[in-house]
């Protein structure tokens, strides 16, 4: 969703999840967890949806931790980019 916002602001559409994630990875922001872990979330989602992977409690807690540590710093930085 954040990557899509960046793409739309540039007039670019996306039909997959890879391009928006790549846009997010270009943003320089300090987070508690590395931003490149966001692509791991995409892969985990893909494995769950298409291959029937059943995530463990560790997977779930790690996913929540990544989301909590990355989303708001990214949102704040993207809002700054949109204003400028």
N, C-alpha and C. Protein backbone atom coordinates (compact mmCIF):
# COMPACT_ATOMS: atom_id res chain seq x y z
N UNK A 1 0.82 -1.18 0.00
CA UNK A 1 0.00 0.00 0.00
C UNK A 1 0.87 1.25 0.00
N UNK A 2 1.94 1.28 0.80
CA UNK A 2 2.83 2.45 0.80
C UNK A 2 3.59 2.56 -0.52
N UNK A 3 4.06 1.43 -1.02
CA UNK A 3 4.77 1.42 -2.30
C UNK A 3 3.86 1.86 -3.43
N UNK A 4 2.60 1.43 -3.38
CA UNK A 4 1.63 1.85 -4.40
C UNK A 4 1.43 3.36 -4.36
N UNK A 5 1.39 3.94 -3.15
CA UNK A 5 1.22 5.39 -3.03
C UNK A 5 2.38 6.12 -3.69
N UNK A 6 3.59 5.63 -3.48
CA UNK A 6 4.77 6.25 -4.10
C UNK A 6 4.66 6.15 -5.62
N UNK A 7 4.29 4.97 -6.11
CA UNK A 7 4.18 4.78 -7.57
C UNK A 7 3.10 5.68 -8.17
N UNK A 8 1.95 5.76 -7.52
CA UNK A 8 0.86 6.59 -8.03
C UNK A 8 1.30 8.05 -8.07
N UNK A 9 2.03 8.48 -7.05
CA UNK A 9 2.50 9.88 -7.05
C UNK A 9 3.45 10.16 -8.20
N UNK A 10 4.08 9.11 -8.72
CA UNK A 10 4.98 9.24 -9.87
C UNK A 10 4.25 8.97 -11.19
N UNK A 11 2.95 8.65 -11.11
CA UNK A 11 2.18 8.37 -12.31
C UNK A 11 2.42 6.98 -12.87
N UNK A 12 2.85 6.06 -12.01
CA UNK A 12 3.16 4.70 -12.43
C UNK A 12 2.16 3.74 -11.79
N UNK A 13 1.65 2.81 -12.58
CA UNK A 13 0.78 1.77 -12.06
C UNK A 13 1.56 0.49 -11.88
N UNK A 14 1.02 -0.42 -11.09
CA UNK A 14 1.70 -1.69 -10.87
C UNK A 14 0.68 -2.81 -10.87
N UNK A 15 1.07 -3.92 -11.46
CA UNK A 15 0.17 -5.08 -11.49
C UNK A 15 0.67 -6.20 -10.60
N UNK A 16 1.76 -5.96 -9.88
CA UNK A 16 2.27 -6.99 -8.98
C UNK A 16 2.71 -6.35 -7.67
N UNK A 17 3.30 -7.13 -6.79
CA UNK A 17 3.76 -6.61 -5.50
C UNK A 17 5.25 -6.25 -5.52
N UNK A 18 5.95 -6.67 -6.54
CA UNK A 18 7.40 -6.48 -6.56
C UNK A 18 7.78 -5.02 -6.78
N UNK A 19 7.15 -4.36 -7.74
CA UNK A 19 7.49 -2.97 -8.04
C UNK A 19 7.22 -2.04 -6.85
N UNK A 20 6.07 -2.13 -6.18
CA UNK A 20 5.87 -1.28 -4.99
C UNK A 20 6.89 -1.55 -3.88
N UNK A 21 7.24 -2.80 -3.68
CA UNK A 21 8.24 -3.13 -2.66
C UNK A 21 9.59 -2.54 -3.05
N UNK A 22 9.94 -2.61 -4.32
CA UNK A 22 11.20 -2.02 -4.77
C UNK A 22 11.23 -0.51 -4.53
N UNK A 23 10.09 0.15 -4.69
CA UNK A 23 10.02 1.59 -4.41
C UNK A 23 10.24 1.85 -2.92
N UNK A 24 9.68 1.02 -2.08
CA UNK A 24 9.87 1.17 -0.64
C UNK A 24 11.33 0.97 -0.27
N UNK A 25 11.98 0.01 -0.90
CA UNK A 25 13.38 -0.28 -0.59
C UNK A 25 14.30 0.88 -0.96
N UNK A 26 13.87 1.75 -1.85
CA UNK A 26 14.68 2.91 -2.25
C UNK A 26 14.63 4.05 -1.23
N UNK A 27 13.66 4.00 -0.33
CA UNK A 27 13.47 5.08 0.63
C UNK A 27 14.48 4.95 1.76
N UNK A 28 15.17 6.04 2.03
CA UNK A 28 16.15 6.04 3.12
C UNK A 28 15.44 6.47 4.41
N UNK A 29 15.30 5.51 5.30
CA UNK A 29 14.64 5.77 6.57
C UNK A 29 15.25 4.84 7.63
N UNK A 30 15.32 5.33 8.84
CA UNK A 30 15.86 4.52 9.93
C UNK A 30 14.71 3.79 10.62
N UNK A 31 14.83 2.47 10.71
CA UNK A 31 13.83 1.65 11.38
C UNK A 31 14.53 0.68 12.32
N UNK A 32 13.76 0.08 13.21
CA UNK A 32 14.32 -0.89 14.15
C UNK A 32 14.71 -2.19 13.47
N UNK A 33 14.04 -2.50 12.37
CA UNK A 33 14.33 -3.71 11.60
C UNK A 33 14.69 -3.29 10.18
N UNK A 34 15.53 -4.07 9.49
CA UNK A 34 15.91 -3.70 8.12
C UNK A 34 14.71 -3.67 7.17
N UNK A 35 14.67 -2.65 6.33
CA UNK A 35 13.58 -2.49 5.37
C UNK A 35 13.51 -3.65 4.38
N UNK A 36 14.66 -4.23 4.05
CA UNK A 36 14.64 -5.31 3.05
C UNK A 36 13.88 -6.54 3.53
N UNK A 37 13.54 -6.60 4.81
CA UNK A 37 12.72 -7.72 5.30
C UNK A 37 11.30 -7.67 4.76
N UNK A 38 10.89 -6.52 4.24
CA UNK A 38 9.54 -6.41 3.69
C UNK A 38 9.35 -7.38 2.53
N UNK A 39 10.38 -7.61 1.76
CA UNK A 39 10.27 -8.58 0.66
C UNK A 39 10.06 -9.99 1.21
N UNK A 40 10.61 -10.28 2.38
CA UNK A 40 10.37 -11.58 3.00
C UNK A 40 8.89 -11.77 3.32
N UNK A 41 8.22 -10.68 3.69
CA UNK A 41 6.78 -10.76 3.96
C UNK A 41 6.02 -11.11 2.69
N UNK A 42 6.45 -10.52 1.58
CA UNK A 42 5.81 -10.85 0.29
C UNK A 42 5.98 -12.33 -0.03
N UNK A 43 7.18 -12.84 0.19
CA UNK A 43 7.43 -14.26 -0.09
C UNK A 43 6.64 -15.16 0.84
N UNK A 44 6.55 -14.78 2.11
CA UNK A 44 5.77 -15.57 3.06
C UNK A 44 4.30 -15.60 2.64
N UNK A 45 3.76 -14.44 2.28
CA UNK A 45 2.37 -14.36 1.82
C UNK A 45 2.15 -15.24 0.59
N UNK A 46 3.10 -15.18 -0.33
CA UNK A 46 3.03 -15.99 -1.55
C UNK A 46 3.01 -17.49 -1.20
N UNK A 47 3.88 -17.90 -0.30
CA UNK A 47 3.93 -19.31 0.10
C UNK A 47 2.64 -19.75 0.79
N UNK A 48 2.06 -18.87 1.57
CA UNK A 48 0.80 -19.19 2.25
C UNK A 48 -0.32 -19.31 1.23
N UNK A 49 -0.44 -18.31 0.35
CA UNK A 49 -1.56 -18.27 -0.59
C UNK A 49 -1.48 -19.32 -1.70
N UNK A 50 -0.28 -19.60 -2.19
CA UNK A 50 -0.16 -20.45 -3.36
C UNK A 50 0.37 -21.85 -3.10
N UNK A 51 1.05 -22.03 -1.97
CA UNK A 51 1.64 -23.35 -1.70
C UNK A 51 1.12 -23.98 -0.41
N UNK A 52 0.18 -23.32 0.24
CA UNK A 52 -0.43 -23.90 1.43
C UNK A 52 0.46 -23.93 2.66
N UNK A 53 1.49 -23.09 2.66
CA UNK A 53 2.38 -23.04 3.83
C UNK A 53 1.58 -22.57 5.04
N UNK A 54 1.78 -23.26 6.15
CA UNK A 54 1.12 -22.87 7.39
C UNK A 54 2.17 -22.19 8.28
N UNK A 55 2.03 -20.89 8.48
CA UNK A 55 3.05 -20.17 9.25
C UNK A 55 3.04 -20.59 10.72
N UNK A 56 4.23 -20.64 11.28
CA UNK A 56 4.37 -20.97 12.70
C UNK A 56 4.12 -19.71 13.52
N UNK A 57 4.02 -19.88 14.81
CA UNK A 57 3.86 -18.73 15.70
C UNK A 57 5.07 -17.80 15.59
N UNK A 58 6.23 -18.38 15.37
CA UNK A 58 7.45 -17.57 15.19
C UNK A 58 7.32 -16.71 13.92
N UNK A 59 6.82 -17.31 12.82
CA UNK A 59 6.60 -16.55 11.58
C UNK A 59 5.63 -15.39 11.83
N UNK A 60 4.56 -15.69 12.54
CA UNK A 60 3.53 -14.67 12.79
C UNK A 60 4.09 -13.53 13.64
N UNK A 61 4.78 -13.88 14.71
CA UNK A 61 5.35 -12.84 15.57
C UNK A 61 6.41 -12.02 14.85
N UNK A 62 7.20 -12.67 14.00
CA UNK A 62 8.21 -11.95 13.23
C UNK A 62 7.55 -10.99 12.24
N UNK A 63 6.48 -11.43 11.61
CA UNK A 63 5.74 -10.59 10.67
C UNK A 63 5.19 -9.36 11.37
N UNK A 64 4.60 -9.56 12.52
CA UNK A 64 4.06 -8.43 13.29
C UNK A 64 5.18 -7.47 13.69
N UNK A 65 6.30 -8.01 14.11
CA UNK A 65 7.44 -7.19 14.51
C UNK A 65 7.96 -6.34 13.35
N UNK A 66 8.07 -6.95 12.18
CA UNK A 66 8.53 -6.22 10.99
C UNK A 66 7.55 -5.10 10.66
N UNK A 67 6.27 -5.42 10.66
CA UNK A 67 5.25 -4.42 10.33
C UNK A 67 5.27 -3.27 11.33
N UNK A 68 5.34 -3.59 12.61
CA UNK A 68 5.33 -2.54 13.64
C UNK A 68 6.57 -1.66 13.58
N UNK A 69 7.70 -2.25 13.25
CA UNK A 69 8.94 -1.46 13.25
C UNK A 69 9.16 -0.67 11.97
N UNK A 70 8.53 -1.06 10.89
CA UNK A 70 8.80 -0.41 9.59
C UNK A 70 7.67 0.49 9.09
N UNK A 71 6.42 0.16 9.38
CA UNK A 71 5.31 0.86 8.74
C UNK A 71 5.28 2.35 9.04
N UNK A 72 5.27 2.72 10.30
CA UNK A 72 5.11 4.14 10.64
C UNK A 72 6.31 5.00 10.25
N UNK A 73 7.55 4.52 10.43
CA UNK A 73 8.67 5.33 9.91
C UNK A 73 8.60 5.52 8.39
N UNK A 74 8.21 4.46 7.68
CA UNK A 74 8.06 4.58 6.22
C UNK A 74 6.93 5.54 5.86
N UNK A 75 5.80 5.42 6.55
CA UNK A 75 4.66 6.29 6.29
C UNK A 75 5.05 7.76 6.48
N UNK A 76 5.75 8.04 7.56
CA UNK A 76 6.19 9.41 7.84
C UNK A 76 7.11 9.93 6.73
N UNK A 77 8.05 9.11 6.30
CA UNK A 77 8.98 9.53 5.25
C UNK A 77 8.27 9.70 3.90
N UNK A 78 7.35 8.81 3.59
CA UNK A 78 6.61 8.91 2.33
C UNK A 78 5.74 10.16 2.33
N UNK A 79 5.13 10.48 3.45
CA UNK A 79 4.34 11.72 3.53
C UNK A 79 5.21 12.94 3.26
N UNK A 80 6.44 12.93 3.81
CA UNK A 80 7.37 14.04 3.56
C UNK A 80 7.71 14.13 2.07
N UNK A 81 7.94 12.98 1.44
CA UNK A 81 8.26 12.96 0.01
C UNK A 81 7.10 13.47 -0.83
N UNK A 82 5.87 13.15 -0.42
CA UNK A 82 4.69 13.57 -1.17
C UNK A 82 4.50 15.08 -1.10
N UNK A 83 4.83 15.66 0.05
CA UNK A 83 4.66 17.11 0.23
C UNK A 83 5.66 17.88 -0.62
N UNK A 84 6.87 17.35 -0.72
CA UNK A 84 7.92 18.05 -1.48
C UNK A 84 7.76 17.76 -2.90
